[in-house]
Amino acid sequence: MQVPQEKPGYVRIPVFTMEQLAELSQKAGGDREKVLAAIDDLKEYINAIYSFDRQKIENYMKKNGIPIPESDLEFWMRINVTILSRRNSPKDYRQYAKDWLILNGFSDLAMKYDAKENA
């Protein structure tokens, strides 16, 4: 099973609705620098997750105090569930994540997200 590949140097940029930007601004107390920092953090998060580069993902997790599972299976299960839980994940990444979950004994999680998509 081939991991989806992106062009070298490709950087994902999150797209926000006006509501999401307003919510970010509200959480940041209207501080423009805090809003931009939150957007930069989201870009880093998205680019780490979709890279399927364990080192890049772990660096992001360490930087943000996110516990890193010791088990390789648990680590990749969480990454693939994260991809499925993001409604705007690209179709090929969503398919890869579902297939990975099924092939690695997490069919129930894959089906849970299938049900959400088809609802």
PDB file of N, CA and C in Angstrom:
ATOM      1  N   MET A   1       0.853  -1.168   0.000  1.00  0.00           N
ATOM      2  CA  MET A   1       0.000   0.000   0.000  1.00  0.00           C
ATOM      3  C   MET A   1       0.899   1.232   0.000  1.00  0.00           C
ATOM      4  N   GLN A   2       0.786   2.040  -1.014  1.00  0.00           N
ATOM      5  CA  GLN A   2       1.627   3.219  -1.197  1.00  0.00           C
ATOM      6  C   GLN A   2       1.052   4.426  -0.459  1.00  0.00           C
ATOM      7  N   VAL A   3       1.879   5.085   0.353  1.00  0.00           N
ATOM      8  CA  VAL A   3       1.478   6.312   1.035  1.00  0.00           C
ATOM      9  C   VAL A   3       1.266   7.391  -0.023  1.00  0.00           C
ATOM     10  N   PRO A   4       0.199   8.183   0.071  1.00  0.00           N
ATOM     11  CA  PRO A   4       0.010   9.266  -0.898  1.00  0.00           C
ATOM     12  C   PRO A   4       1.235  10.174  -0.919  1.00  0.00           C
ATOM     13  N   GLN A   5       1.649  10.560  -2.107  1.00  0.00           N
ATOM     14  CA  GLN A   5       2.843  11.383  -2.269  1.00  0.00           C
ATOM     15  C   GLN A   5       2.467  12.782  -2.734  1.00  0.00           C
ATOM     16  N   GLU A   6       3.156  13.758  -2.189  1.00  0.00           N
ATOM     17  CA  GLU A   6       2.987  15.126  -2.644  1.00  0.00           C
ATOM     18  C   GLU A   6       4.246  15.561  -3.361  1.00  0.00           C
ATOM     19  N   LYS A   7       4.130  16.606  -4.147  1.00  0.00           N
ATOM     20  CA  LYS A   7       5.280  17.139  -4.865  1.00  0.00           C
ATOM     21  C   LYS A   7       6.311  17.634  -3.854  1.00  0.00           C
ATOM     22  N   PRO A   8       7.589  17.443  -4.149  1.00  0.00           N
ATOM     23  CA  PRO A   8       8.638  17.955  -3.242  1.00  0.00           C
ATOM     24  C   PRO A   8       8.476  19.458  -3.026  1.00  0.00           C
ATOM     25  N   GLY A   9       8.606  19.865  -1.787  1.00  0.00           N
ATOM     26  CA  GLY A   9       8.492  21.275  -1.450  1.00  0.00           C
ATOM     27  C   GLY A   9       7.066  21.783  -1.312  1.00  0.00           C
ATOM     28  N   TYR A  10       6.091  20.894  -1.503  1.00  0.00           N
ATOM     29  CA  TYR A  10       4.679  21.280  -1.410  1.00  0.00           C
ATOM     30  C   TYR A  10       4.348  21.606   0.046  1.00  0.00           C
ATOM     31  N   VAL A  11       3.701  22.718   0.265  1.00  0.00           N
ATOM     32  CA  VAL A  11       3.292  23.109   1.610  1.00  0.00           C
ATOM     33  C   VAL A  11       1.788  23.344   1.589  1.00  0.00           C
ATOM     34  N   ARG A  12       1.107  22.661   2.475  1.00  0.00           N
ATOM     35  CA  ARG A  12      -0.341  22.843   2.580  1.00  0.00           C
ATOM     36  C   ARG A  12      -0.636  24.126   3.339  1.00  0.00           C
ATOM     37  N   ILE A  13      -1.593  24.877   2.868  1.00  0.00           N
ATOM     38  CA  ILE A  13      -2.011  26.085   3.544  1.00  0.00           C
ATOM     39  C   ILE A  13      -3.479  25.907   3.927  1.00  0.00           C
ATOM     40  N   PRO A  14      -3.778  26.025   5.220  1.00  0.00           N
ATOM     41  CA  PRO A  14      -5.177  25.851   5.628  1.00  0.00           C
ATOM     42  C   PRO A  14      -6.053  26.979   5.102  1.00  0.00           C
ATOM     43  N   VAL A  15      -7.274  26.640   4.778  1.00  0.00           N
ATOM     44  CA  VAL A  15      -8.245  27.628   4.322  1.00  0.00           C
ATOM     45  C   VAL A  15      -9.275  27.781   5.432  1.00  0.00           C
ATOM     46  N   PHE A  16      -9.540  29.018   5.811  1.00  0.00           N
ATOM     47  CA  PHE A  16     -10.461  29.292   6.906  1.00  0.00           C
ATOM     48  C   PHE A  16     -11.714  29.977   6.393  1.00  0.00           C
ATOM     49  N   THR A  17     -12.837  29.646   7.020  1.00  0.00           N
ATOM     50  CA  THR A  17     -14.071  30.384   6.759  1.00  0.00           C
ATOM     51  C   THR A  17     -14.004  31.675   7.586  1.00  0.00           C
ATOM     52  N   MET A  18     -14.872  32.594   7.308  1.00  0.00           N
ATOM     53  CA  MET A  18     -14.915  33.837   8.095  1.00  0.00           C
ATOM     54  C   MET A  18     -15.257  33.523   9.549  1.00  0.00           C
ATOM     55  N   GLU A  19     -16.126  32.541   9.761  1.00  0.00           N
ATOM     56  CA  GLU A  19     -16.481  32.148  11.132  1.00  0.00           C
ATOM     57  C   GLU A  19     -15.262  31.626  11.883  1.00  0.00           C
ATOM     58  N   GLN A  20     -14.466  30.789  11.214  1.00  0.00           N
ATOM     59  CA  GLN A  20     -13.276  30.233  11.852  1.00  0.00           C
ATOM     60  C   GLN A  20     -12.269  31.328  12.182  1.00  0.00           C
ATOM     61  N   LEU A  21     -12.090  32.283  11.261  1.00  0.00           N
ATOM     62  CA  LEU A  21     -11.178  33.395  11.527  1.00  0.00           C
ATOM     63  C   LEU A  21     -11.683  34.251  12.685  1.00  0.00           C
ATOM     64  N   ALA A  22     -12.987  34.477  12.734  1.00  0.00           N
ATOM     65  CA  ALA A  22     -13.567  35.252  13.833  1.00  0.00           C
ATOM     66  C   ALA A  22     -13.353  34.528  15.159  1.00  0.00           C
ATOM     67  N   GLU A  23     -13.513  33.200  15.144  1.00  0.00           N
ATOM     68  CA  GLU A  23     -13.303  32.409  16.358  1.00  0.00           C
ATOM     69  C   GLU A  23     -11.837  32.461  16.793  1.00  0.00           C
ATOM     70  N   LEU A  24     -10.919  32.345  15.834  1.00  0.00           N
ATOM     71  CA  LEU A  24      -9.491  32.456  16.147  1.00  0.00           C
ATOM     72  C   LEU A  24      -9.189  33.824  16.753  1.00  0.00           C
ATOM     73  N   SER A  25      -9.741  34.855  16.160  1.00  0.00           N
ATOM     74  CA  SER A  25      -9.513  36.212  16.640  1.00  0.00           C
ATOM     75  C   SER A  25     -10.065  36.393  18.049  1.00  0.00           C
ATOM     76  N   GLN A  26     -11.232  35.827  18.284  1.00  0.00           N
ATOM     77  CA  GLN A  26     -11.852  35.929  19.611  1.00  0.00           C
ATOM     78  C   GLN A  26     -10.992  35.212  20.651  1.00  0.00           C
ATOM     79  N   LYS A  27     -10.525  33.991  20.317  1.00  0.00           N
ATOM     80  CA  LYS A  27      -9.681  33.231  21.246  1.00  0.00           C
ATOM     81  C   LYS A  27      -8.373  33.964  21.527  1.00  0.00           C
ATOM     82  N   ALA A  28      -7.888  34.709  20.538  1.00  0.00           N
ATOM     83  CA  ALA A  28      -6.631  35.438  20.685  1.00  0.00           C
ATOM     84  C   ALA A  28      -6.849  36.834  21.272  1.00  0.00           C
ATOM     85  N   GLY A  29      -8.065  37.132  21.663  1.00  0.00           N
ATOM     86  CA  GLY A  29      -8.356  38.447  22.240  1.00  0.00           C
ATOM     87  C   GLY A  29      -8.164  39.581  21.257  1.00  0.00           C
ATOM     88  N   GLY A  30      -8.306  39.262  19.965  1.00  0.00           N
ATOM     89  CA  GLY A  30      -8.148  40.272  18.928  1.00  0.00           C
ATOM     90  C   GLY A  30      -6.696  40.585  18.584  1.00  0.00           C
ATOM     91  N   ASP A  31      -5.768  39.884  19.206  1.00  0.00           N
ATOM     92  CA  ASP A  31      -4.339  40.109  18.968  1.00  0.00           C
ATOM     93  C   ASP A  31      -3.936  39.474  17.639  1.00  0.00           C
ATOM     94  N   ARG A  32      -3.625  40.324  16.666  1.00  0.00           N
ATOM     95  CA  ARG A  32      -3.296  39.854  15.312  1.00  0.00           C
ATOM     96  C   ARG A  32      -2.113  38.887  15.310  1.00  0.00           C
ATOM     97  N   GLU A  33      -1.088  39.170  16.117  1.00  0.00           N
ATOM     98  CA  GLU A  33       0.096  38.305  16.180  1.00  0.00           C
ATOM     99  C   GLU A  33      -0.257  36.907  16.685  1.00  0.00           C
ATOM    100  N   LYS A  34      -1.153  36.842  17.653  1.00  0.00           N
ATOM    101  CA  LYS A  34      -1.582  35.533  18.176  1.00  0.00           C
ATOM    102  C   LYS A  34      -2.375  34.761  17.125  1.00  0.00           C
ATOM    103  N   VAL A  35      -3.189  35.481  16.360  1.00  0.00           N
ATOM    104  CA  VAL A  35      -3.959  34.836  15.286  1.00  0.00           C
ATOM    105  C   VAL A  35      -3.001  34.267  14.238  1.00  0.00           C
ATOM    106  N   LEU A  36      -2.021  35.060  13.834  1.00  0.00           N
ATOM    107  CA  LEU A  36      -1.049  34.597  12.842  1.00  0.00           C
ATOM    108  C   LEU A  36      -0.230  33.413  13.380  1.00  0.00           C
ATOM    109  N   ALA A  37       0.106  33.452  14.662  1.00  0.00           N
ATOM    110  CA  ALA A  37       0.842  32.339  15.275  1.00  0.00           C
ATOM    111  C   ALA A  37      -0.008  31.069  15.269  1.00  0.00           C
ATOM    112  N   ALA A  38      -1.310  31.204  15.534  1.00  0.00           N
ATOM    113  CA  ALA A  38      -2.211  30.042  15.520  1.00  0.00           C
ATOM    114  C   ALA A  38      -2.317  29.472  14.110  1.00  0.00           C
ATOM    115  N   ILE A  39      -2.361  30.342  13.116  1.00  0.00           N
ATOM    116  CA  ILE A  39      -2.425  29.886  11.721  1.00  0.00           C
ATOM    117  C   ILE A  39      -1.126  29.178  11.342  1.00  0.00           C
ATOM    118  N   ASP A  40       0.011  29.748  11.753  1.00  0.00           N
ATOM    119  CA  ASP A  40       1.307  29.100  11.484  1.00  0.00           C
ATOM    120  C   ASP A  40       1.383  27.728  12.137  1.00  0.00           C
ATOM    121  N   ASP A  41       0.874  27.629  13.375  1.00  0.00           N
ATOM    122  CA  ASP A  41       0.887  26.341  14.069  1.00  0.00           C
ATOM    123  C   ASP A  41       0.021  25.327  13.328  1.00  0.00           C
ATOM    124  N   LEU A  42      -1.130  25.775  12.849  1.00  0.00           N
ATOM    125  CA  LEU A  42      -2.003  24.874  12.103  1.00  0.00           C
ATOM    126  C   LEU A  42      -1.338  24.409  10.811  1.00  0.00           C
ATOM    127  N   LYS A  43      -0.647  25.312  10.126  1.00  0.00           N
ATOM    128  CA  LYS A  43       0.085  24.920   8.908  1.00  0.00           C
ATOM    129  C   LYS A  43       1.131  23.864   9.233  1.00  0.00           C
ATOM    130  N   GLU A  44       1.870  24.064  10.326  1.00  0.00           N
ATOM    131  CA  GLU A  44       2.897  23.103  10.725  1.00  0.00           C
ATOM    132  C   GLU A  44       2.269  21.750  11.044  1.00  0.00           C
ATOM    133  N   TYR A  45       1.148  21.769  11.755  1.00  0.00           N
ATOM    134  CA  TYR A  45       0.423  20.546  12.122  1.00  0.00           C
ATOM    135  C   TYR A  45      -0.029  19.786  10.871  1.00  0.00           C
ATOM    136  N   ILE A  46      -0.674  20.498   9.964  1.00  0.00           N
ATOM    137  CA  ILE A  46      -1.196  19.871   8.748  1.00  0.00           C
ATOM    138  C   ILE A  46      -0.064  19.288   7.908  1.00  0.00           C
ATOM    139  N   ASN A  47       0.995  20.056   7.736  1.00  0.00           N
ATOM    140  CA  ASN A  47       2.115  19.572   6.928  1.00  0.00           C
ATOM    141  C   ASN A  47       2.811  18.385   7.575  1.00  0.00           C
ATOM    142  N   ALA A  48       2.854  18.335   8.890  1.00  0.00           N
ATOM    143  CA  ALA A  48       3.448  17.178   9.577  1.00  0.00           C
ATOM    144  C   ALA A  48       2.577  15.938   9.372  1.00  0.00           C
ATOM    145  N   ILE A  49       1.296  16.062   9.632  1.00  0.00           N
ATOM    146  CA  ILE A  49       0.389  14.908   9.536  1.00  0.00           C
ATOM    147  C   ILE A  49       0.387  14.318   8.129  1.00  0.00           C
ATOM    148  N   TYR A  50       0.248  15.155   7.119  1.00  0.00           N
ATOM    149  CA  TYR A  50       0.146  14.649   5.749  1.00  0.00           C
ATOM    150  C   TYR A  50       1.482  14.227   5.149  1.00  0.00           C
ATOM    151  N   SER A  51       2.570  14.510   5.844  1.00  0.00           N
ATOM    152  CA  SER A  51       3.877  14.108   5.332  1.00  0.00           C
ATOM    153  C   SER A  51       4.123  12.607   5.513  1.00  0.00           C
ATOM    154  N   PHE A  52       3.468  12.013   6.508  1.00  0.00           N
ATOM    155  CA  PHE A  52       3.718  10.622   6.901  1.00  0.00           C
ATOM    156  C   PHE A  52       5.190  10.414   7.267  1.00  0.00           C
ATOM    157  N   ASP A  53       5.831  11.493   7.660  1.00  0.00           N
ATOM    158  CA  ASP A  53       7.226  11.460   8.093  1.00  0.00           C
ATOM    159  C   ASP A  53       7.213  11.402   9.622  1.00  0.00           C
ATOM    160  N   ARG A  54       7.533  10.237  10.161  1.00  0.00           N
ATOM    161  CA  ARG A  54       7.420  10.042  11.604  1.00  0.00           C
ATOM    162  C   ARG A  54       8.230  11.078  12.384  1.00  0.00           C
ATOM    163  N   GLN A  55       9.434  11.364  11.940  1.00  0.00           N
ATOM    164  CA  GLN A  55      10.280  12.322  12.657  1.00  0.00           C
ATOM    165  C   GLN A  55       9.642  13.707  12.688  1.00  0.00           C
ATOM    166  N   LYS A  56       9.110  14.132  11.557  1.00  0.00           N
ATOM    167  CA  LYS A  56       8.452  15.445  11.477  1.00  0.00           C
ATOM    168  C   LYS A  56       7.225  15.486  12.392  1.00  0.00           C
ATOM    169  N   ILE A  57       6.461  14.403  12.392  1.00  0.00           N
ATOM    170  CA  ILE A  57       5.265  14.336  13.245  1.00  0.00           C
ATOM    171  C   ILE A  57       5.667  14.342  14.717  1.00  0.00           C
ATOM    172  N   GLU A  58       6.672  13.534  15.074  1.00  0.00           N
ATOM    173  CA  GLU A  58       7.121  13.486  16.468  1.00  0.00           C
ATOM    174  C   GLU A  58       7.680  14.828  16.912  1.00  0.00           C
ATOM    175  N   ASN A  59       8.404  15.519  16.046  1.00  0.00           N
ATOM    176  CA  ASN A  59       8.923  16.843  16.398  1.00  0.00           C
ATOM    177  C   ASN A  59       7.778  17.797  16.722  1.00  0.00           C
ATOM    178  N   TYR A  60       6.733  17.749  15.901  1.00  0.00           N
ATOM    179  CA  TYR A  60       5.564  18.596  16.158  1.00  0.00           C
ATOM    180  C   TYR A  60       4.924  18.219  17.500  1.00  0.00           C
ATOM    181  N   MET A  61       4.781  16.917  17.740  1.00  0.00           N
ATOM    182  CA  MET A  61       4.156  16.461  18.978  1.00  0.00           C
ATOM    183  C   MET A  61       4.974  16.889  20.200  1.00  0.00           C
ATOM    184  N   LYS A  62       6.283  16.717  20.134  1.00  0.00           N
ATOM    185  CA  LYS A  62       7.154  17.121  21.257  1.00  0.00           C
ATOM    186  C   LYS A  62       7.044  18.620  21.507  1.00  0.00           C
ATOM    187  N   LYS A  63       7.111  19.387  20.446  1.00  0.00           N
ATOM    188  CA  LYS A  63       7.048  20.846  20.550  1.00  0.00           C
ATOM    189  C   LYS A  63       5.763  21.305  21.233  1.00  0.00           C
ATOM    190  N   ASN A  64       4.677  20.561  21.005  1.00  0.00           N
ATOM    191  CA  ASN A  64       3.367  20.959  21.521  1.00  0.00           C
ATOM    192  C   ASN A  64       2.903  20.142  22.716  1.00  0.00           C
ATOM    193  N   GLY A  65       3.812  19.352  23.291  1.00  0.00           N
ATOM    194  CA  GLY A  65       3.479  18.593  24.496  1.00  0.00           C
ATOM    195  C   GLY A  65       2.457  17.498  24.284  1.00  0.00           C
ATOM    196  N   ILE A  66       2.403  16.963  23.085  1.00  0.00           N
ATOM    197  CA  ILE A  66       1.470  15.881  22.775  1.00  0.00           C
ATOM    198  C   ILE A  66       2.173  14.554  23.054  1.00  0.00           C
ATOM    199  N   PRO A  67       1.579  13.708  23.886  1.00  0.00           N
ATOM    200  CA  PRO A  67       2.225  12.427  24.188  1.00  0.00           C
ATOM    201  C   PRO A  67       2.415  11.579  22.924  1.00  0.00           C
ATOM    202  N   ILE A  68       3.584  10.986  22.802  1.00  0.00           N
ATOM    203  CA  ILE A  68       3.899  10.139  21.655  1.00  0.00           C
ATOM    204  C   ILE A  68       3.746   8.688  22.084  1.00  0.00           C
ATOM    205  N   PRO A  69       2.856   7.955  21.429  1.00  0.00           N
ATOM    206  CA  PRO A  69       2.678   6.543  21.784  1.00  0.00           C
ATOM    207  C   PRO A  69       3.979   5.765  21.593  1.00  0.00           C
ATOM    208  N   GLU A  70       4.250   4.874  22.525  1.00  0.00           N
ATOM    209  CA  GLU A  70       5.454   4.049  22.404  1.00  0.00           C
ATOM    210  C   GLU A  70       5.295   3.006  21.302  1.00  0.00           C
ATOM    211  N   SER A  71       4.092   2.502  21.155  1.00  0.00           N
ATOM    212  CA  SER A  71       3.814   1.469  20.155  1.00  0.00           C
ATOM    213  C   SER A  71       3.715   2.087  18.766  1.00  0.00           C
ATOM    214  N   ASP A  72       4.456   1.496  17.823  1.00  0.00           N
ATOM    215  CA  ASP A  72       4.414   1.949  16.427  1.00  0.00           C
ATOM    216  C   ASP A  72       2.990   1.829  15.884  1.00  0.00           C
ATOM    217  N   LEU A  73       2.312   0.745  16.206  1.00  0.00           N
ATOM    218  CA  LEU A  73       0.948   0.523  15.730  1.00  0.00           C
ATOM    219  C   LEU A  73       0.011   1.613  16.259  1.00  0.00           C
ATOM    220  N   GLU A  74       0.129   1.931  17.535  1.00  0.00           N
ATOM    221  CA  GLU A  74      -0.703   2.972  18.149  1.00  0.00           C
ATOM    222  C   GLU A  74      -0.407   4.335  17.519  1.00  0.00           C
ATOM    223  N   PHE A  75       0.862   4.626  17.280  1.00  0.00           N
ATOM    224  CA  PHE A  75       1.254   5.897  16.666  1.00  0.00           C
ATOM    225  C   PHE A  75       0.575   6.071  15.315  1.00  0.00           C
ATOM    226  N   TRP A  76       0.731   5.081  14.430  1.00  0.00           N
ATOM    227  CA  TRP A  76       0.172   5.210  13.083  1.00  0.00           C
ATOM    228  C   TRP A  76      -1.350   5.122  13.075  1.00  0.00           C
ATOM    229  N   MET A  77      -1.921   4.396  14.037  1.00  0.00           N
ATOM    230  CA  MET A  77      -3.379   4.371  14.143  1.00  0.00           C
ATOM    231  C   MET A  77      -3.883   5.777  14.422  1.00  0.00           C
ATOM    232  N   ARG A  78      -3.227   6.468  15.348  1.00  0.00           N
ATOM    233  CA  ARG A  78      -3.648   7.833  15.684  1.00  0.00           C
ATOM    234  C   ARG A  78      -3.494   8.788  14.503  1.00  0.00           C
ATOM    235  N   ILE A  79      -2.423   8.653  13.755  1.00  0.00           N
ATOM    236  CA  ILE A  79      -2.210   9.529  12.599  1.00  0.00           C
ATOM    237  C   ILE A  79      -3.305   9.290  11.561  1.00  0.00           C
ATOM    238  N   ASN A  80      -3.595   8.028  11.277  1.00  0.00           N
ATOM    239  CA  ASN A  80      -4.618   7.720  10.273  1.00  0.00           C
ATOM    240  C   ASN A  80      -6.010   8.117  10.736  1.00  0.00           C
ATOM    241  N   VAL A  81      -6.308   7.983  12.013  1.00  0.00           N
ATOM    242  CA  VAL A  81      -7.596   8.442  12.537  1.00  0.00           C
ATOM    243  C   VAL A  81      -7.677   9.965  12.447  1.00  0.00           C
ATOM    244  N   THR A  82      -6.574  10.635  12.718  1.00  0.00           N
ATOM    245  CA  THR A  82      -6.544  12.095  12.606  1.00  0.00           C
ATOM    246  C   THR A  82      -6.878  12.523  11.181  1.00  0.00           C
ATOM    247  N   ILE A  83      -6.294  11.859  10.217  1.00  0.00           N
ATOM    248  CA  ILE A  83      -6.570  12.191   8.809  1.00  0.00           C
ATOM    249  C   ILE A  83      -8.045  11.976   8.496  1.00  0.00           C
ATOM    250  N   LEU A  84      -8.600  10.880   8.973  1.00  0.00           N
ATOM    251  CA  LEU A  84     -10.020  10.625   8.717  1.00  0.00           C
ATOM    252  C   LEU A  84     -10.925  11.609   9.450  1.00  0.00           C
ATOM    253  N   SER A  85     -10.503  12.059  10.605  1.00  0.00           N
ATOM    254  CA  SER A  85     -11.363  12.952  11.385  1.00  0.00           C
ATOM    255  C   SER A  85     -11.400  14.369  10.804  1.00  0.00           C
ATOM    256  N   ARG A  86     -10.435  14.708   9.965  1.00  0.00           N
ATOM    257  CA  ARG A  86     -10.433  16.019   9.302  1.00  0.00           C
ATOM    258  C   ARG A  86     -11.294  15.932   8.035  1.00  0.00           C
ATOM    259  N   ARG A  87     -12.426  16.584   8.065  1.00  0.00           N
ATOM    260  CA  ARG A  87     -13.366  16.499   6.940  1.00  0.00           C
ATOM    261  C   ARG A  87     -12.762  16.946   5.614  1.00  0.00           C
ATOM    262  N   ASN A  88     -11.781  17.842   5.664  1.00  0.00           N
ATOM    263  CA  ASN A  88     -11.217  18.346   4.414  1.00  0.00           C
ATOM    264  C   ASN A  88      -9.914  17.648   4.021  1.00  0.00           C
ATOM    265  N   SER A  89      -9.665  16.475   4.596  1.00  0.00           N
ATOM    266  CA  SER A  89      -8.505  15.692   4.152  1.00  0.00           C
ATOM    267  C   SER A  89      -8.724  15.275   2.698  1.00  0.00           C
ATOM    268  N   PRO A  90      -7.678  15.324   1.889  1.00  0.00           N
ATOM    269  CA  PRO A  90      -7.820  14.905   0.491  1.00  0.00           C
ATOM    270  C   PRO A  90      -8.309  13.456   0.383  1.00  0.00           C
ATOM    271  N   LYS A  91      -9.061  13.206  -0.668  1.00  0.00           N
ATOM    272  CA  LYS A  91      -9.684  11.899  -0.864  1.00  0.00           C
ATOM    273  C   LYS A  91      -8.670  10.751  -0.844  1.00  0.00           C
ATOM    274  N   ASP A  92      -7.520  10.923  -1.508  1.00  0.00           N
ATOM    275  CA  ASP A  92      -6.541   9.830  -1.543  1.00  0.00           C
ATOM    276  C   ASP A  92      -5.946   9.564  -0.157  1.00  0.00           C
ATOM    277  N   TYR A  93      -5.808  10.593   0.655  1.00  0.00           N
ATOM    278  CA  TYR A  93      -5.315  10.403   2.019  1.00  0.00           C
ATOM    279  C   TYR A  93      -6.371   9.716   2.879  1.00  0.00           C
ATOM    280  N   ARG A  94      -7.626  10.104   2.697  1.00  0.00           N
ATOM    281  CA  ARG A  94      -8.714   9.469   3.448  1.00  0.00           C
ATOM    282  C   ARG A  94      -8.785   7.978   3.095  1.00  0.00           C
ATOM    283  N   GLN A  95      -8.667   7.667   1.806  1.00  0.00           N
ATOM    284  CA  GLN A  95      -8.724   6.268   1.378  1.00  0.00           C
ATOM    285  C   GLN A  95      -7.552   5.486   1.944  1.00  0.00           C
ATOM    286  N   TYR A  96      -6.358   6.070   1.882  1.00  0.00           N
ATOM    287  CA  TYR A  96      -5.182   5.409   2.434  1.00  0.00           C
ATOM    288  C   TYR A  96      -5.386   5.142   3.929  1.00  0.00           C
ATOM    289  N   ALA A  97      -5.876   6.150   4.656  1.00  0.00           N
ATOM    290  CA  ALA A  97      -6.079   6.011   6.099  1.00  0.00           C
ATOM    291  C   ALA A  97      -7.079   4.894   6.404  1.00  0.00           C
ATOM    292  N   LYS A  98      -8.179   4.849   5.669  1.00  0.00           N
ATOM    293  CA  LYS A  98      -9.173   3.775   5.869  1.00  0.00           C
ATOM    294  C   LYS A  98      -8.554   2.411   5.592  1.00  0.00           C
ATOM    295  N   ASP A  99      -7.855   2.310   4.462  1.00  0.00           N
ATOM    296  CA  ASP A  99      -7.227   1.033   4.104  1.00  0.00           C
ATOM    297  C   ASP A  99      -6.210   0.604   5.163  1.00  0.00           C
ATOM    298  N   TRP A 100      -5.409   1.554   5.643  1.00  0.00           N
ATOM    299  CA  TRP A 100      -4.402   1.236   6.658  1.00  0.00           C
ATOM    300  C   TRP A 100      -5.081   0.725   7.916  1.00  0.00           C
ATOM    301  N   LEU A 101      -6.120   1.410   8.350  1.00  0.00           N
ATOM    302  CA  LEU A 101      -6.834   0.986   9.566  1.00  0.00           C
ATOM    303  C   LEU A 101      -7.399  -0.423   9.409  1.00  0.00           C
ATOM    304  N   ILE A 102      -7.996  -0.707   8.277  1.00  0.00           N
ATOM    305  CA  ILE A 102      -8.570  -2.033   8.040  1.00  0.00           C
ATOM    306  C   ILE A 102      -7.482  -3.093   8.031  1.00  0.00           C
ATOM    307  N   LEU A 103      -6.384  -2.829   7.323  1.00  0.00           N
ATOM    308  CA  LEU A 103      -5.294  -3.809   7.213  1.00  0.00           C
ATOM    309  C   LEU A 103      -4.566  -4.049   8.532  1.00  0.00           C
ATOM    310  N   ASN A 104      -4.700  -3.113   9.470  1.00  0.00           N
ATOM    311  CA  ASN A 104      -3.978  -3.233  10.731  1.00  0.00           C
ATOM    312  C   ASN A 104      -4.892  -3.515  11.921  1.00  0.00           C
ATOM    313  N   GLY A 105      -6.095  -4.011  11.636  1.00  0.00           N
ATOM    314  CA  GLY A 105      -6.987  -4.475  12.699  1.00  0.00           C
ATOM    315  C   GLY A 105      -7.875  -3.419  13.328  1.00  0.00           C
ATOM    316  N   PHE A 106      -8.054  -2.297  12.663  1.00  0.00           N
ATOM    317  CA  PHE A 106      -8.893  -1.231  13.200  1.00  0.00           C
ATOM    318  C   PHE A 106     -10.099  -0.978  12.293  1.00  0.00           C
ATOM    319  N   SER A 107     -10.688  -2.064  11.808  1.00  0.00           N
ATOM    320  CA  SER A 107     -11.836  -1.951  10.895  1.00  0.00           C
ATOM    321  C   SER A 107     -12.968  -1.144  11.507  1.00  0.00           C
ATOM    322  N   ASP A 108     -13.176  -1.310  12.821  1.00  0.00           N
ATOM    323  CA  ASP A 108     -14.265  -0.587  13.478  1.00  0.00           C
ATOM    324  C   ASP A 108     -14.079   0.930  13.362  1.00  0.00           C
ATOM    325  N   LEU A 109     -12.848   1.401  13.486  1.00  0.00           N
ATOM    326  CA  LEU A 109     -12.590   2.844  13.331  1.00  0.00           C
ATOM    327  C   LEU A 109     -12.807   3.289  11.887  1.00  0.00           C
ATOM    328  N   ALA A 110     -12.341   2.501  10.951  1.00  0.00           N
ATOM    329  CA  ALA A 110     -12.521   2.841   9.536  1.00  0.00           C
ATOM    330  C   ALA A 110     -14.009   2.909   9.196  1.00  0.00           C
ATOM    331  N   MET A 111     -14.769   1.966   9.684  1.00  0.00           N
ATOM    332  CA  MET A 111     -16.206   1.934   9.391  1.00  0.00           C
ATOM    333  C   MET A 111     -16.930   3.094  10.070  1.00  0.00           C
ATOM    334  N   LYS A 112     -16.451   3.492  11.251  1.00  0.00           N
ATOM    335  CA  LYS A 112     -17.047   4.627  11.963  1.00  0.00           C
ATOM    336  C   LYS A 112     -16.967   5.876  11.090  1.00  0.00           C
ATOM    337  N   TYR A 113     -15.823   6.102  10.460  1.00  0.00           N
ATOM    338  CA  TYR A 113     -15.672   7.284   9.615  1.00  0.00           C
ATOM    339  C   TYR A 113     -16.394   7.120   8.288  1.00  0.00           C
ATOM    340  N   ASP A 114     -16.523   5.889   7.786  1.00  0.00           N
ATOM    341  CA  ASP A 114     -17.325   5.642   6.586  1.00  0.00           C
ATOM    342  C   ASP A 114     -18.781   6.029   6.866  1.00  0.00           C
ATOM    343  N   ALA A 115     -19.276   5.636   8.030  1.00  0.00           N
ATOM    344  CA  ALA A 115     -20.660   5.938   8.383  1.00  0.00           C
ATOM    345  C   ALA A 115     -20.868   7.443   8.478  1.00  0.00           C
ATOM    346  N   LYS A 116     -19.909   8.166   9.046  1.00  0.00           N
ATOM    347  CA  LYS A 116     -20.022   9.619   9.165  1.00  0.00           C
ATOM    348  C   LYS A 116     -20.046  10.287   7.790  1.00  0.00           C
ATOM    349  N   GLU A 117     -19.215   9.783   6.860  1.00  0.00           N
ATOM    350  CA  GLU A 117     -19.154  10.362   5.521  1.00  0.00           C
ATOM    351  C   GLU A 117     -20.442  10.134   4.748  1.00  0.00           C
ATOM    352  N   ASN A 118     -21.045   8.978   4.966  1.00  0.00           N
ATOM    353  CA  ASN A 118     -22.234   8.611   4.202  1.00  0.00           C
ATOM    354  C   ASN A 118     -23.529   9.069   4.858  1.00  0.00           C
ATOM    355  N   ALA A 119     -23.418   9.738   6.003  1.00  0.00           N
ATOM    356  CA  ALA A 119     -24.629  10.191   6.718  1.00  0.00           C
ATOM    357  C   ALA A 119     -25.149  11.482   6.134  1.00  0.00           C
TER     358      ALA A 119
END
